[in-house]
Amino acid sequence: MAQAPELVALHALMHALELTTRALIAAHPDLDGDEAPYWVASASRRRQTALCIVNNASRFKALIERHLAQFSACSENNDFDLEEDLPF
């Protein structure tokens, strides 16, 4: 990590996105993909906002995972110098 400190920030961001997603699903259990429990009220503006955040967080996490995988592949192959910019 000392050679690539930006990875620490990306991992922290991944954890923050995961915590946010879990908190929103705890507040809106029907966002988990299963049928909503009987006690969950119908769709509200807050639920729609939460769903939008959960969906975007999921996409953003996938992008970060691809970035980390690319970085890992490049660093294993020594395709670049860590002192220079990443090749993507």
C-alpha atoms as a PDB file:
ATOM      1  CA  MET A   1       0.000   0.000   0.000  1.00  0.00           C
ATOM      2  CA  ALA A   2       2.945   2.348   0.526  1.00  0.00           C
ATOM      3  CA  GLN A   3       3.662   2.222  -3.196  1.00  0.00           C
ATOM      4  CA  ALA A   4       0.047   2.899  -4.177  1.00  0.00           C
ATOM      5  CA  PRO A   5      -1.695   4.987  -1.489  1.00  0.00           C
ATOM      6  CA  GLU A   6      -4.655   5.680  -3.790  1.00  0.00           C
ATOM      7  CA  LEU A   7      -5.689   2.074  -3.229  1.00  0.00           C
ATOM      8  CA  VAL A   8      -6.318   2.846   0.435  1.00  0.00           C
ATOM      9  CA  ALA A   9      -8.766   5.565  -0.559  1.00  0.00           C
ATOM     10  CA  LEU A  10     -10.509   3.229  -3.010  1.00  0.00           C
ATOM     11  CA  HIS A  11     -10.867   0.509  -0.386  1.00  0.00           C
ATOM     12  CA  ALA A  12     -12.212   3.048   2.126  1.00  0.00           C
ATOM     13  CA  LEU A  13     -14.702   4.245  -0.481  1.00  0.00           C
ATOM     14  CA  MET A  14     -15.794   0.658  -1.127  1.00  0.00           C
ATOM     15  CA  HIS A  15     -16.462   0.172   2.586  1.00  0.00           C
ATOM     16  CA  ALA A  16     -18.367   3.471   2.795  1.00  0.00           C
ATOM     17  CA  LEU A  17     -20.541   2.451  -0.157  1.00  0.00           C
ATOM     18  CA  GLU A  18     -21.200  -0.931   1.429  1.00  0.00           C
ATOM     19  CA  LEU A  19     -22.168   0.670   4.764  1.00  0.00           C
ATOM     20  CA  THR A  20     -24.441   3.146   3.005  1.00  0.00           C
ATOM     21  CA  THR A  21     -26.126   0.392   1.030  1.00  0.00           C
ATOM     22  CA  ARG A  22     -26.687  -1.748   4.111  1.00  0.00           C
ATOM     23  CA  ALA A  23     -28.060   1.191   6.113  1.00  0.00           C
ATOM     24  CA  LEU A  24     -30.504   2.044   3.335  1.00  0.00           C
ATOM     25  CA  ILE A  25     -31.611  -1.573   3.027  1.00  0.00           C
ATOM     26  CA  ALA A  26     -32.115  -1.691   6.803  1.00  0.00           C
ATOM     27  CA  ALA A  27     -34.309   1.410   6.562  1.00  0.00           C
ATOM     28  CA  HIS A  28     -36.100   0.119   3.442  1.00  0.00           C
ATOM     29  CA  PRO A  29     -36.091  -3.713   3.585  1.00  0.00           C
ATOM     30  CA  ASP A  30     -37.956  -3.985   0.292  1.00  0.00           C
ATOM     31  CA  LEU A  31     -34.850  -2.678  -1.536  1.00  0.00           C
ATOM     32  CA  ASP A  32     -33.159  -6.017  -0.984  1.00  0.00           C
ATOM     33  CA  GLY A  33     -34.950  -7.501  -3.974  1.00  0.00           C
ATOM     34  CA  ASP A  34     -37.331  -9.675  -2.003  1.00  0.00           C
ATOM     35  CA  GLU A  35     -41.003  -8.965  -1.712  1.00  0.00           C
ATOM     36  CA  ALA A  36     -41.679  -6.163   0.748  1.00  0.00           C
ATOM     37  CA  PRO A  37     -42.829  -7.243   4.213  1.00  0.00           C
ATOM     38  CA  TYR A  38     -46.470  -6.480   5.024  1.00  0.00           C
ATOM     39  CA  TRP A  39     -45.461  -3.684   7.392  1.00  0.00           C
ATOM     40  CA  VAL A  40     -43.509  -1.728   4.757  1.00  0.00           C
ATOM     41  CA  ALA A  41     -45.498   1.192   3.422  1.00  0.00           C
ATOM     42  CA  SER A  42     -45.978   1.695  -0.296  1.00  0.00           C
ATOM     43  CA  ALA A  43     -43.320   3.428  -2.363  1.00  0.00           C
ATOM     44  CA  SER A  44     -42.478   6.837  -1.033  1.00  0.00           C
ATOM     45  CA  ARG A  45     -40.174   9.573  -2.184  1.00  0.00           C
ATOM     46  CA  ARG A  46     -37.634   8.493   0.444  1.00  0.00           C
ATOM     47  CA  ARG A  47     -37.779   4.917  -0.795  1.00  0.00           C
ATOM     48  CA  GLN A  48     -37.289   6.016  -4.400  1.00  0.00           C
ATOM     49  CA  THR A  49     -34.293   8.132  -3.376  1.00  0.00           C
ATOM     50  CA  ALA A  50     -32.858   5.232  -1.382  1.00  0.00           C
ATOM     51  CA  LEU A  51     -33.339   2.887  -4.345  1.00  0.00           C
ATOM     52  CA  CYS A  52     -31.522   5.321  -6.627  1.00  0.00           C
ATOM     53  CA  ILE A  53     -28.609   5.567  -4.164  1.00  0.00           C
ATOM     54  CA  VAL A  54     -28.412   1.782  -3.736  1.00  0.00           C
ATOM     55  CA  ASN A  55     -28.413   1.216  -7.496  1.00  0.00           C
ATOM     56  CA  ASN A  56     -25.772   3.884  -8.123  1.00  0.00           C
ATOM     57  CA  ALA A  57     -23.629   2.624  -5.238  1.00  0.00           C
ATOM     58  CA  SER A  58     -23.763  -0.864  -6.721  1.00  0.00           C
ATOM     59  CA  ARG A  59     -22.602   0.411 -10.104  1.00  0.00           C
ATOM     60  CA  PHE A  60     -19.878   2.534  -8.512  1.00  0.00           C
ATOM     61  CA  LYS A  61     -18.605  -0.433  -6.478  1.00  0.00           C
ATOM     62  CA  ALA A  62     -18.408  -2.494  -9.679  1.00  0.00           C
ATOM     63  CA  LEU A  63     -16.353   0.251 -11.342  1.00  0.00           C
ATOM     64  CA  ILE A  64     -13.975   0.411  -8.394  1.00  0.00           C
ATOM     65  CA  GLU A  65     -13.616  -3.378  -8.369  1.00  0.00           C
ATOM     66  CA  ARG A  66     -12.713  -3.329 -12.078  1.00  0.00           C
ATOM     67  CA  HIS A  67     -10.197  -0.560 -11.435  1.00  0.00           C
ATOM     68  CA  LEU A  68      -8.612  -2.522  -8.592  1.00  0.00           C
ATOM     69  CA  ALA A  69      -8.492  -5.680 -10.709  1.00  0.00           C
ATOM     70  CA  GLN A  70      -6.801  -3.792 -13.546  1.00  0.00           C
ATOM     71  CA  PHE A  71      -4.312  -2.271 -11.146  1.00  0.00           C
ATOM     72  CA  SER A  72      -3.589  -5.669  -9.640  1.00  0.00           C
ATOM     73  CA  ALA A  73      -3.078  -7.262 -13.060  1.00  0.00           C
ATOM     74  CA  CYS A  74      -0.740  -4.479 -14.147  1.00  0.00           C
ATOM     75  CA  SER A  75       1.278  -4.552 -10.944  1.00  0.00           C
ATOM     76  CA  GLU A  76       1.679  -8.349 -11.135  1.00  0.00           C
ATOM     77  CA  ASN A  77       2.986  -8.069 -14.690  1.00  0.00           C
ATOM     78  CA  ASN A  78       5.160  -5.052 -13.849  1.00  0.00           C
ATOM     79  CA  ASP A  79       3.675  -3.344 -16.905  1.00  0.00           C
ATOM     80  CA  PHE A  80       4.150   0.107 -15.468  1.00  0.00           C
ATOM     81  CA  ASP A  81       6.258   2.171 -13.121  1.00  0.00           C
ATOM     82  CA  LEU A  82       4.473   3.054  -9.892  1.00  0.00           C
ATOM     83  CA  GLU A  83       6.049   6.494 -10.037  1.00  0.00           C
ATOM     84  CA  GLU A  84       4.130   7.249 -13.259  1.00  0.00           C
ATOM     85  CA  ASP A  85       0.418   7.397 -13.992  1.00  0.00           C
ATOM     86  CA  LEU A  86      -1.587   4.216 -14.267  1.00  0.00           C
ATOM     87  CA  PRO A  87      -2.097   2.990 -17.828  1.00  0.00           C
ATOM     88  CA  PHE A  88      -5.885   3.380 -17.734  1.00  0.00           C
END
